[in-house]
Amino acid sequence: MTIRLVTDSTADLPPELAEKWNIKVVPLYVNFGQEEGDATPKTGAVETLRDGVDIGPDEFYRRLVKSSVLPTTSQPTVQDFISVYQELTQKEDQVISVHISSVLSGTHNSAVQAKNSLGNSARVEVVDTTLASMGVGLAVLAGARAIESGANFDEVLKEIQEALSQLRIFFVVDTLEYLQKGGRIGRAQAFLGSLLSIKPILTMEGGEIQPLERVRTRGKALQRLSKIVEEMAPLSEACVIHNTTPEDVNYLKESLSHLLSQDKIVTARLGACLGVHVGPGLLGVAARSAS
């Protein structure tokens, strides 16, 4: 029996890694043109694009900063997942589907509904990671390595859960404006009073975005981000995540080089559906402790 892994586009898995490990990525949707559900659009018809398929990061961030109306996002449909699960289980016997926090997105719920609709015809397990971006991605990769090592279904699922217990994600945003507009700000709402004068460092706890620290400049924020990750040592792997500032990636990778060899530090680009909510200028680290 073969085990297949499924995730969604918010995992921000670099395409070459998804291909290498045979991971199926189900795209979310980004909607340009009007507020989702607006029956009387003022800016024309809605343009609905599949994250990472119809629109890549370069085009998305170029359009984001020019758009007069903030794009919206929507989860994959139940039918999207049914189609994927049916395709895989026709050839394979078992699927583990690993997704963004159910607090942030309805993606997990769509996957669960799809699983339930299949009944007992196939074994599908859906995992709510309570994380986002490469916090999800590193957990999926842990599962892929377990499959390669010959682990059975339950062992792969256990490896993914163990990875999730060891994973943290931290990130710096240029502004909380996009998180506020998108309604994904969580307890980071407390930082809004200093919106213009700080560079907030955020994390995820309990499936939602949480405030961690306030720093006055971006340079200091990146230095502090590195120190926060260092406090997790020893590490087994990490990922540096960016969206519009690739020049910052090398700084963070070098600052982590005394903790991990470079081949243990992946670089990923934040895609459109998370980019809607954080805006340009994000830099983050997903890190897995070694214990």
C-alpha atoms as a PDB file:
ATOM      1  CA  MET A   1       0.000   0.000   0.000  1.00  0.00           C
ATOM      2  CA  THR A   2       1.237   3.459  -0.892  1.00  0.00           C
ATOM      3  CA  ILE A   3       0.758   6.508   1.313  1.00  0.00           C
ATOM      4  CA  ARG A   4       0.208   9.876  -0.368  1.00  0.00           C
ATOM      5  CA  LEU A   5       0.509  13.311   1.222  1.00  0.00           C
ATOM      6  CA  VAL A   6      -1.778  16.233   0.425  1.00  0.00           C
ATOM      7  CA  THR A   7      -1.442  19.819   1.595  1.00  0.00           C
ATOM      8  CA  ASP A   8      -2.686  23.222   0.461  1.00  0.00           C
ATOM      9  CA  SER A   9      -1.029  26.224  -1.149  1.00  0.00           C
ATOM     10  CA  THR A  10      -0.712  28.111   2.148  1.00  0.00           C
ATOM     11  CA  ALA A  11       2.002  25.615   3.142  1.00  0.00           C
ATOM     12  CA  ASP A  12       4.267  27.606   0.771  1.00  0.00           C
ATOM     13  CA  LEU A  13       6.136  24.447  -0.166  1.00  0.00           C
ATOM     14  CA  PRO A  14       8.745  25.306  -2.809  1.00  0.00           C
ATOM     15  CA  PRO A  15       7.517  23.628  -6.033  1.00  0.00           C
ATOM     16  CA  GLU A  16      10.724  21.636  -6.416  1.00  0.00           C
ATOM     17  CA  LEU A  17      10.231  20.069  -2.962  1.00  0.00           C
ATOM     18  CA  ALA A  18       6.587  19.244  -3.622  1.00  0.00           C
ATOM     19  CA  GLU A  19       7.652  17.534  -6.831  1.00  0.00           C
ATOM     20  CA  LYS A  20      10.618  15.738  -5.270  1.00  0.00           C
ATOM     21  CA  TRP A  21       8.490  14.258  -2.470  1.00  0.00           C
ATOM     22  CA  ASN A  22       5.382  13.640  -4.602  1.00  0.00           C
ATOM     23  CA  ILE A  23       3.210  15.915  -2.434  1.00  0.00           C
ATOM     24  CA  LYS A  24      -0.134  17.017  -3.880  1.00  0.00           C
ATOM     25  CA  VAL A  25      -0.819  20.723  -3.304  1.00  0.00           C
ATOM     26  CA  VAL A  26      -4.457  21.894  -3.428  1.00  0.00           C
ATOM     27  CA  PRO A  27      -4.658  25.620  -4.230  1.00  0.00           C
ATOM     28  CA  LEU A  28      -6.711  28.173  -2.355  1.00  0.00           C
ATOM     29  CA  TYR A  29      -8.307  31.038  -4.299  1.00  0.00           C
ATOM     30  CA  VAL A  30      -7.501  34.747  -4.401  1.00  0.00           C
ATOM     31  CA  ASN A  31     -10.216  37.098  -5.622  1.00  0.00           C
ATOM     32  CA  PHE A  32      -9.453  40.450  -7.230  1.00  0.00           C
ATOM     33  CA  GLY A  33     -11.987  43.105  -8.161  1.00  0.00           C
ATOM     34  CA  GLN A  34     -14.446  43.470  -5.289  1.00  0.00           C
ATOM     35  CA  GLU A  35     -15.229  42.371  -1.797  1.00  0.00           C
ATOM     36  CA  GLU A  36     -16.174  38.701  -1.774  1.00  0.00           C
ATOM     37  CA  GLY A  37     -19.954  38.323  -1.851  1.00  0.00           C
ATOM     38  CA  ASP A  38     -20.603  41.884  -3.082  1.00  0.00           C
ATOM     39  CA  ALA A  39     -23.548  41.551  -5.489  1.00  0.00           C
ATOM     40  CA  THR A  40     -23.085  45.052  -6.898  1.00  0.00           C
ATOM     41  CA  PRO A  41     -19.401  45.394  -7.691  1.00  0.00           C
ATOM     42  CA  LYS A  42     -18.013  48.864  -8.207  1.00  0.00           C
ATOM     43  CA  THR A  43     -14.738  47.804  -9.762  1.00  0.00           C
ATOM     44  CA  GLY A  44     -15.864  45.218 -12.276  1.00  0.00           C
ATOM     45  CA  ALA A  45     -16.272  41.482 -12.206  1.00  0.00           C
ATOM     46  CA  VAL A  46     -14.444  39.329  -9.718  1.00  0.00           C
ATOM     47  CA  GLU A  47     -11.329  37.626 -11.018  1.00  0.00           C
ATOM     48  CA  THR A  48     -10.811  34.386  -9.111  1.00  0.00           C
ATOM     49  CA  LEU A  49      -7.341  32.865  -9.400  1.00  0.00           C
ATOM     50  CA  ARG A  50      -5.817  29.688  -8.003  1.00  0.00           C
ATOM     51  CA  ASP A  51      -2.942  30.448  -5.644  1.00  0.00           C
ATOM     52  CA  GLY A  52       0.329  29.246  -7.157  1.00  0.00           C
ATOM     53  CA  VAL A  53      -1.367  28.003 -10.331  1.00  0.00           C
ATOM     54  CA  ASP A  54      -3.027  30.976 -12.045  1.00  0.00           C
ATOM     55  CA  ILE A  55      -1.018  33.583 -10.174  1.00  0.00           C
ATOM     56  CA  GLY A  56       2.482  33.457  -8.706  1.00  0.00           C
ATOM     57  CA  PRO A  57       4.056  35.642  -6.016  1.00  0.00           C
ATOM     58  CA  ASP A  58       5.663  38.189  -8.351  1.00  0.00           C
ATOM     59  CA  GLU A  59       2.433  39.077 -10.134  1.00  0.00           C
ATOM     60  CA  PHE A  60       0.381  38.893  -6.953  1.00  0.00           C
ATOM     61  CA  TYR A  61       2.464  41.345  -4.921  1.00  0.00           C
ATOM     62  CA  ARG A  62       2.709  43.711  -7.881  1.00  0.00           C
ATOM     63  CA  ARG A  63      -1.086  43.755  -8.122  1.00  0.00           C
ATOM     64  CA  LEU A  64      -1.606  43.883  -4.358  1.00  0.00           C
ATOM     65  CA  VAL A  65       0.144  47.219  -3.889  1.00  0.00           C
ATOM     66  CA  LYS A  66      -1.703  48.727  -6.857  1.00  0.00           C
ATOM     67  CA  SER A  67      -5.161  47.428  -5.994  1.00  0.00           C
ATOM     68  CA  SER A  68      -7.663  49.964  -4.649  1.00  0.00           C
ATOM     69  CA  VAL A  69      -9.706  47.134  -3.122  1.00  0.00           C
ATOM     70  CA  LEU A  70      -8.005  44.559  -0.917  1.00  0.00           C
ATOM     71  CA  PRO A  71      -8.204  41.131  -2.579  1.00  0.00           C
ATOM     72  CA  THR A  72     -10.032  38.414  -0.703  1.00  0.00           C
ATOM     73  CA  THR A  73      -9.271  34.731  -0.340  1.00  0.00           C
ATOM     74  CA  SER A  74     -11.362  31.574  -0.215  1.00  0.00           C
ATOM     75  CA  GLN A  75     -10.614  27.990   0.709  1.00  0.00           C
ATOM     76  CA  PRO A  76     -10.667  25.082  -1.713  1.00  0.00           C
ATOM     77  CA  THR A  77     -14.159  23.691  -2.180  1.00  0.00           C
ATOM     78  CA  VAL A  78     -15.249  20.341  -0.822  1.00  0.00           C
ATOM     79  CA  GLN A  79     -15.384  19.138  -4.416  1.00  0.00           C
ATOM     80  CA  ASP A  80     -11.770  20.238  -4.950  1.00  0.00           C
ATOM     81  CA  PHE A  81     -10.710  17.868  -2.187  1.00  0.00           C
ATOM     82  CA  ILE A  82     -13.051  15.077  -3.254  1.00  0.00           C
ATOM     83  CA  SER A  83     -11.506  15.168  -6.732  1.00  0.00           C
ATOM     84  CA  VAL A  84      -7.977  14.971  -5.308  1.00  0.00           C
ATOM     85  CA  TYR A  85      -8.800  12.205  -2.832  1.00  0.00           C
ATOM     86  CA  GLN A  86     -10.607  10.143  -5.470  1.00  0.00           C
ATOM     87  CA  GLU A  87      -7.743  10.560  -7.926  1.00  0.00           C
ATOM     88  CA  LEU A  88      -5.173   9.406  -5.380  1.00  0.00           C
ATOM     89  CA  THR A  89      -7.168   6.573  -3.861  1.00  0.00           C
ATOM     90  CA  GLN A  90      -7.882   5.061  -7.275  1.00  0.00           C
ATOM     91  CA  LYS A  91      -4.171   4.301  -7.461  1.00  0.00           C
ATOM     92  CA  GLU A  92      -3.143   4.460  -3.825  1.00  0.00           C
ATOM     93  CA  ASP A  93      -4.775   3.178  -0.687  1.00  0.00           C
ATOM     94  CA  GLN A  94      -4.172   5.872   1.914  1.00  0.00           C
ATOM     95  CA  VAL A  95      -3.969   9.673   2.110  1.00  0.00           C
ATOM     96  CA  ILE A  96      -2.787  12.020   4.861  1.00  0.00           C
ATOM     97  CA  SER A  97      -4.004  15.564   4.241  1.00  0.00           C
ATOM     98  CA  VAL A  98      -2.142  18.271   6.198  1.00  0.00           C
ATOM     99  CA  HIS A  99      -3.494  21.829   6.348  1.00  0.00           C
ATOM    100  CA  ILE A 100      -3.367  25.397   7.598  1.00  0.00           C
ATOM    101  CA  SER A 101      -4.850  26.223  11.003  1.00  0.00           C
ATOM    102  CA  SER A 102      -8.632  25.828  11.050  1.00  0.00           C
ATOM    103  CA  VAL A 103      -8.796  29.115  12.989  1.00  0.00           C
ATOM    104  CA  LEU A 104      -7.372  31.018  10.018  1.00  0.00           C
ATOM    105  CA  SER A 105      -9.048  29.225   7.121  1.00  0.00           C
ATOM    106  CA  GLY A 106     -11.959  26.968   6.223  1.00  0.00           C
ATOM    107  CA  THR A 107      -9.546  24.752   4.253  1.00  0.00           C
ATOM    108  CA  HIS A 108      -9.404  22.106   6.986  1.00  0.00           C
ATOM    109  CA  ASN A 109     -13.198  22.010   7.164  1.00  0.00           C
ATOM    110  CA  SER A 110     -13.480  21.518   3.387  1.00  0.00           C
ATOM    111  CA  ALA A 111     -11.013  18.642   3.606  1.00  0.00           C
ATOM    112  CA  VAL A 112     -12.913  17.013   6.483  1.00  0.00           C
ATOM    113  CA  GLN A 113     -16.212  17.272   4.601  1.00  0.00           C
ATOM    114  CA  ALA A 114     -14.589  15.708   1.541  1.00  0.00           C
ATOM    115  CA  LYS A 115     -13.186  12.871   3.646  1.00  0.00           C
ATOM    116  CA  ASN A 116     -16.596  12.236   5.228  1.00  0.00           C
ATOM    117  CA  SER A 117     -18.293  12.177   1.832  1.00  0.00           C
ATOM    118  CA  LEU A 118     -16.043   9.301   0.763  1.00  0.00           C
ATOM    119  CA  GLY A 119     -17.179   7.173   3.690  1.00  0.00           C
ATOM    120  CA  ASN A 120     -15.229   3.965   4.138  1.00  0.00           C
ATOM    121  CA  SER A 121     -14.177   3.730   0.509  1.00  0.00           C
ATOM    122  CA  ALA A 122     -10.704   5.055   1.285  1.00  0.00           C
ATOM    123  CA  ARG A 123      -8.552   5.813   4.306  1.00  0.00           C
ATOM    124  CA  VAL A 124      -8.038   9.578   4.510  1.00  0.00           C
ATOM    125  CA  GLU A 125      -6.802  11.385   7.618  1.00  0.00           C
ATOM    126  CA  VAL A 126      -7.007  15.175   7.829  1.00  0.00           C
ATOM    127  CA  VAL A 127      -4.560  17.053  10.078  1.00  0.00           C
ATOM    128  CA  ASP A 128      -5.160  20.544  11.470  1.00  0.00           C
ATOM    129  CA  THR A 129      -1.618  21.803  12.010  1.00  0.00           C
ATOM    130  CA  THR A 130      -2.686  24.972  13.918  1.00  0.00           C
ATOM    131  CA  LEU A 131       0.120  26.616  11.914  1.00  0.00           C
ATOM    132  CA  ALA A 132       0.572  28.330   8.542  1.00  0.00           C
ATOM    133  CA  SER A 133       3.135  28.654   5.760  1.00  0.00           C
ATOM    134  CA  MET A 134       6.226  26.498   6.215  1.00  0.00           C
ATOM    135  CA  GLY A 135       5.112  25.546   9.699  1.00  0.00           C
ATOM    136  CA  VAL A 136       2.725  23.358   7.703  1.00  0.00           C
ATOM    137  CA  GLY A 137       5.332  22.687   5.024  1.00  0.00           C
ATOM    138  CA  LEU A 138       7.992  21.322   7.389  1.00  0.00           C
ATOM    139  CA  ALA A 139       5.446  18.988   8.974  1.00  0.00           C
ATOM    140  CA  VAL A 140       4.486  17.656   5.538  1.00  0.00           C
ATOM    141  CA  LEU A 141       8.162  17.140   4.672  1.00  0.00           C
ATOM    142  CA  ALA A 142       8.633  15.211   7.924  1.00  0.00           C
ATOM    143  CA  GLY A 143       5.856  12.913   6.784  1.00  0.00           C
ATOM    144  CA  ALA A 144       7.447  12.529   3.355  1.00  0.00           C
ATOM    145  CA  ARG A 145      10.765  11.460   4.865  1.00  0.00           C
ATOM    146  CA  ALA A 146       8.948   8.947   7.072  1.00  0.00           C
ATOM    147  CA  ILE A 147       7.252   7.450   4.007  1.00  0.00           C
ATOM    148  CA  GLU A 148      10.617   7.175   2.248  1.00  0.00           C
ATOM    149  CA  SER A 149      12.040   5.339   5.274  1.00  0.00           C
ATOM    150  CA  GLY A 150       9.304   2.698   4.990  1.00  0.00           C
ATOM    151  CA  ALA A 151       7.019   3.840   7.815  1.00  0.00           C
ATOM    152  CA  ASN A 152       3.425   2.622   7.798  1.00  0.00           C
ATOM    153  CA  PHE A 153       0.373   4.908   7.815  1.00  0.00           C
ATOM    154  CA  ASP A 154       0.102   5.282  11.582  1.00  0.00           C
ATOM    155  CA  GLU A 155       3.847   5.855  11.916  1.00  0.00           C
ATOM    156  CA  VAL A 156       3.780   8.584   9.264  1.00  0.00           C
ATOM    157  CA  LEU A 157       0.861  10.263  11.005  1.00  0.00           C
ATOM    158  CA  LYS A 158       2.720  10.058  14.316  1.00  0.00           C
ATOM    159  CA  GLU A 159       5.837  11.602  12.749  1.00  0.00           C
ATOM    160  CA  ILE A 160       3.781  14.513  11.417  1.00  0.00           C
ATOM    161  CA  GLN A 161       2.201  15.082  14.834  1.00  0.00           C
ATOM    162  CA  GLU A 162       5.600  14.899  16.533  1.00  0.00           C
ATOM    163  CA  ALA A 163       6.986  17.447  14.077  1.00  0.00           C
ATOM    164  CA  LEU A 164       4.052  19.770  14.809  1.00  0.00           C
ATOM    165  CA  SER A 165       4.768  19.569  18.539  1.00  0.00           C
ATOM    166  CA  GLN A 166       8.334  20.753  17.841  1.00  0.00           C
ATOM    167  CA  LEU A 167       7.588  23.456  15.264  1.00  0.00           C
ATOM    168  CA  ARG A 168       7.281  27.198  15.854  1.00  0.00           C
ATOM    169  CA  ILE A 169       6.865  30.043  13.414  1.00  0.00           C
ATOM    170  CA  PHE A 170       7.895  33.659  13.969  1.00  0.00           C
ATOM    171  CA  PHE A 171       7.588  36.539  11.557  1.00  0.00           C
ATOM    172  CA  VAL A 172       8.038  40.272  11.128  1.00  0.00           C
ATOM    173  CA  VAL A 173       5.567  42.376   9.143  1.00  0.00           C
ATOM    174  CA  ASP A 174       6.036  45.927   7.958  1.00  0.00           C
ATOM    175  CA  THR A 175       2.536  46.881   9.074  1.00  0.00           C
ATOM    176  CA  LEU A 176      -0.471  45.324  10.784  1.00  0.00           C
ATOM    177  CA  GLU A 177      -2.753  47.068   8.281  1.00  0.00           C
ATOM    178  CA  TYR A 178      -3.340  43.995   6.119  1.00  0.00           C
ATOM    179  CA  LEU A 179      -3.927  41.671   9.074  1.00  0.00           C
ATOM    180  CA  GLN A 180      -6.425  44.153  10.477  1.00  0.00           C
ATOM    181  CA  LYS A 181      -8.318  44.546   7.198  1.00  0.00           C
ATOM    182  CA  GLY A 182      -8.372  40.802   6.636  1.00  0.00           C
ATOM    183  CA  GLY A 183      -9.663  40.042  10.130  1.00  0.00           C
ATOM    184  CA  ARG A 184      -6.774  37.652  10.893  1.00  0.00           C
ATOM    185  CA  ILE A 185      -5.053  39.750  13.526  1.00  0.00           C
ATOM    186  CA  GLY A 186      -6.021  37.712  16.630  1.00  0.00           C
ATOM    187  CA  ARG A 187      -4.504  39.002  19.849  1.00  0.00           C
ATOM    188  CA  ALA A 188      -2.010  41.079  17.882  1.00  0.00           C
ATOM    189  CA  GLN A 189      -4.838  43.648  17.992  1.00  0.00           C
ATOM    190  CA  ALA A 190      -3.038  44.914  21.096  1.00  0.00           C
ATOM    191  CA  PHE A 191      -0.256  46.258  18.882  1.00  0.00           C
ATOM    192  CA  LEU A 192      -2.532  48.460  16.768  1.00  0.00           C
ATOM    193  CA  GLY A 193      -2.095  51.516  18.961  1.00  0.00           C
ATOM    194  CA  SER A 194       1.524  51.679  17.843  1.00  0.00           C
ATOM    195  CA  LEU A 195       0.786  50.719  14.245  1.00  0.00           C
ATOM    196  CA  LEU A 196       2.977  53.358  12.628  1.00  0.00           C
ATOM    197  CA  SER A 197       5.917  53.317  15.012  1.00  0.00           C
ATOM    198  CA  ILE A 198       6.794  49.651  15.404  1.00  0.00           C
ATOM    199  CA  LYS A 199       7.792  46.551  13.501  1.00  0.00           C
ATOM    200  CA  PRO A 200       5.825  43.807  15.228  1.00  0.00           C
ATOM    201  CA  ILE A 201       7.210  40.311  15.730  1.00  0.00           C
ATOM    202  CA  LEU A 202       4.372  37.810  15.669  1.00  0.00           C
ATOM    203  CA  THR A 203       3.979  34.093  16.242  1.00  0.00           C
ATOM    204  CA  MET A 204       1.213  31.496  16.184  1.00  0.00           C
ATOM    205  CA  GLU A 205      -0.327  29.962  19.282  1.00  0.00           C
ATOM    206  CA  GLY A 206      -3.543  27.979  19.493  1.00  0.00           C
ATOM    207  CA  GLY A 207      -3.980  28.261  15.763  1.00  0.00           C
ATOM    208  CA  GLU A 208      -4.098  32.053  15.629  1.00  0.00           C
ATOM    209  CA  ILE A 209      -1.666  34.914  15.193  1.00  0.00           C
ATOM    210  CA  GLN A 210      -0.326  36.210  18.494  1.00  0.00           C
ATOM    211  CA  PRO A 211       1.815  39.225  19.391  1.00  0.00           C
ATOM    212  CA  LEU A 212       5.311  38.463  20.607  1.00  0.00           C
ATOM    213  CA  GLU A 213       7.362  41.652  20.723  1.00  0.00           C
ATOM    214  CA  ARG A 214       7.448  45.211  19.413  1.00  0.00           C
ATOM    215  CA  VAL A 215      10.672  46.506  17.876  1.00  0.00           C
ATOM    216  CA  ARG A 216      11.322  50.027  16.644  1.00  0.00           C
ATOM    217  CA  THR A 217      13.135  49.353  13.371  1.00  0.00           C
ATOM    218  CA  ARG A 218      13.139  46.600  10.781  1.00  0.00           C
ATOM    219  CA  GLY A 219      16.862  46.007  11.243  1.00  0.00           C
ATOM    220  CA  LYS A 220      16.430  45.455  14.969  1.00  0.00           C
ATOM    221  CA  ALA A 221      13.392  43.290  14.305  1.00  0.00           C
ATOM    222  CA  LEU A 222      15.429  40.956  12.088  1.00  0.00           C
ATOM    223  CA  GLN A 223      18.188  40.759  14.690  1.00  0.00           C
ATOM    224  CA  ARG A 224      15.637  39.933  17.371  1.00  0.00           C
ATOM    225  CA  LEU A 225      13.939  37.378  15.111  1.00  0.00           C
ATOM    226  CA  SER A 226      17.247  35.565  14.796  1.00  0.00           C
ATOM    227  CA  LYS A 227      17.752  35.584  18.572  1.00  0.00           C
ATOM    228  CA  ILE A 228      14.257  34.232  19.218  1.00  0.00           C
ATOM    229  CA  VAL A 229      14.927  31.284  16.903  1.00  0.00           C
ATOM    230  CA  GLU A 230      18.322  30.748  18.551  1.00  0.00           C
ATOM    231  CA  GLU A 231      16.540  30.349  21.893  1.00  0.00           C
ATOM    232  CA  MET A 232      14.900  27.192  20.458  1.00  0.00           C
ATOM    233  CA  ALA A 233      18.261  25.468  19.965  1.00  0.00           C
ATOM    234  CA  PRO A 234      19.136  22.726  19.368  1.00  0.00           C
ATOM    235  CA  LEU A 235      17.296  22.729  16.034  1.00  0.00           C
ATOM    236  CA  SER A 236      16.800  19.927  13.534  1.00  0.00           C
ATOM    237  CA  GLU A 237      15.687  22.105  10.583  1.00  0.00           C
ATOM    238  CA  ALA A 238      14.394  25.544   9.692  1.00  0.00           C
ATOM    239  CA  CYS A 239      12.947  27.571   6.860  1.00  0.00           C
ATOM    240  CA  VAL A 240      13.406  31.265   6.084  1.00  0.00           C
ATOM    241  CA  ILE A 241      10.229  32.721   4.568  1.00  0.00           C
ATOM    242  CA  HIS A 242       9.978  35.959   2.610  1.00  0.00           C
ATOM    243  CA  ASN A 243       7.658  37.567   0.118  1.00  0.00           C
ATOM    244  CA  THR A 244       9.087  40.792  -1.349  1.00  0.00           C
ATOM    245  CA  THR A 245      12.511  41.230   0.295  1.00  0.00           C
ATOM    246  CA  PRO A 246      14.806  38.433  -0.909  1.00  0.00           C
ATOM    247  CA  GLU A 247      17.776  40.562   0.111  1.00  0.00           C
ATOM    248  CA  ASP A 248      16.922  39.830   3.773  1.00  0.00           C
ATOM    249  CA  VAL A 249      17.022  36.061   3.326  1.00  0.00           C
ATOM    250  CA  ASN A 250      20.801  35.691   3.298  1.00  0.00           C
ATOM    251  CA  TYR A 251      21.102  37.757   6.474  1.00  0.00           C
ATOM    252  CA  LEU A 252      18.777  35.420   8.347  1.00  0.00           C
ATOM    253  CA  LYS A 253      20.297  32.259   6.898  1.00  0.00           C
ATOM    254  CA  GLU A 254      23.776  33.406   7.881  1.00  0.00           C
ATOM    255  CA  SER A 255      22.588  34.378  11.355  1.00  0.00           C
ATOM    256  CA  LEU A 256      21.266  30.825  11.814  1.00  0.00           C
ATOM    257  CA  SER A 257      24.298  29.112  10.308  1.00  0.00           C
ATOM    258  CA  HIS A 258      25.876  28.404  13.715  1.00  0.00           C
ATOM    259  CA  LEU A 259      22.738  26.435  14.636  1.00  0.00           C
ATOM    260  CA  LEU A 260      22.234  24.446  11.435  1.00  0.00           C
ATOM    261  CA  SER A 261      24.137  23.584   8.289  1.00  0.00           C
ATOM    262  CA  GLN A 262      22.886  25.421   5.209  1.00  0.00           C
ATOM    263  CA  ASP A 263      21.367  22.243   3.756  1.00  0.00           C
ATOM    264  CA  LYS A 264      19.047  22.113   6.776  1.00  0.00           C
ATOM    265  CA  ILE A 265      17.726  25.638   6.126  1.00  0.00           C
ATOM    266  CA  VAL A 266      15.112  25.826   3.377  1.00  0.00           C
ATOM    267  CA  THR A 267      14.043  29.077   1.692  1.00  0.00           C
ATOM    268  CA  ALA A 268      10.378  29.607   0.806  1.00  0.00           C
ATOM    269  CA  ARG A 269       8.288  32.370  -0.740  1.00  0.00           C
ATOM    270  CA  LEU A 270       4.998  33.364   0.880  1.00  0.00           C
ATOM    271  CA  GLY A 271       2.203  32.879  -1.638  1.00  0.00           C
ATOM    272  CA  ALA A 272      -0.813  34.968  -2.549  1.00  0.00           C
ATOM    273  CA  CYS A 273      -3.414  33.720  -0.082  1.00  0.00           C
ATOM    274  CA  LEU A 274      -1.295  34.428   2.983  1.00  0.00           C
ATOM    275  CA  GLY A 275       0.186  37.512   1.312  1.00  0.00           C
ATOM    276  CA  VAL A 276      -3.272  39.109   1.194  1.00  0.00           C
ATOM    277  CA  HIS A 277      -3.337  39.125   4.984  1.00  0.00           C
ATOM    278  CA  VAL A 278       0.219  40.207   5.810  1.00  0.00           C
ATOM    279  CA  GLY A 279       1.097  42.505   2.900  1.00  0.00           C
ATOM    280  CA  PRO A 280       4.550  43.047   1.418  1.00  0.00           C
ATOM    281  CA  GLY A 281       7.732  43.037   3.484  1.00  0.00           C
ATOM    282  CA  LEU A 282       7.185  39.875   5.520  1.00  0.00           C
ATOM    283  CA  LEU A 283      10.166  37.936   6.767  1.00  0.00           C
ATOM    284  CA  GLY A 284       9.788  34.882   8.951  1.00  0.00           C
ATOM    285  CA  VAL A 285      11.332  31.679  10.229  1.00  0.00           C
ATOM    286  CA  ALA A 286       9.705  28.309  10.773  1.00  0.00           C
ATOM    287  CA  ALA A 287      11.940  26.203  13.009  1.00  0.00           C
ATOM    288  CA  ARG A 288      11.800  22.697  14.435  1.00  0.00           C
ATOM    289  CA  SER A 289      13.491  21.935  17.698  1.00  0.00           C
ATOM    290  CA  ALA A 290      15.565  18.779  17.956  1.00  0.00           C
ATOM    291  CA  SER A 291      13.920  17.674  21.204  1.00  0.00           C
END
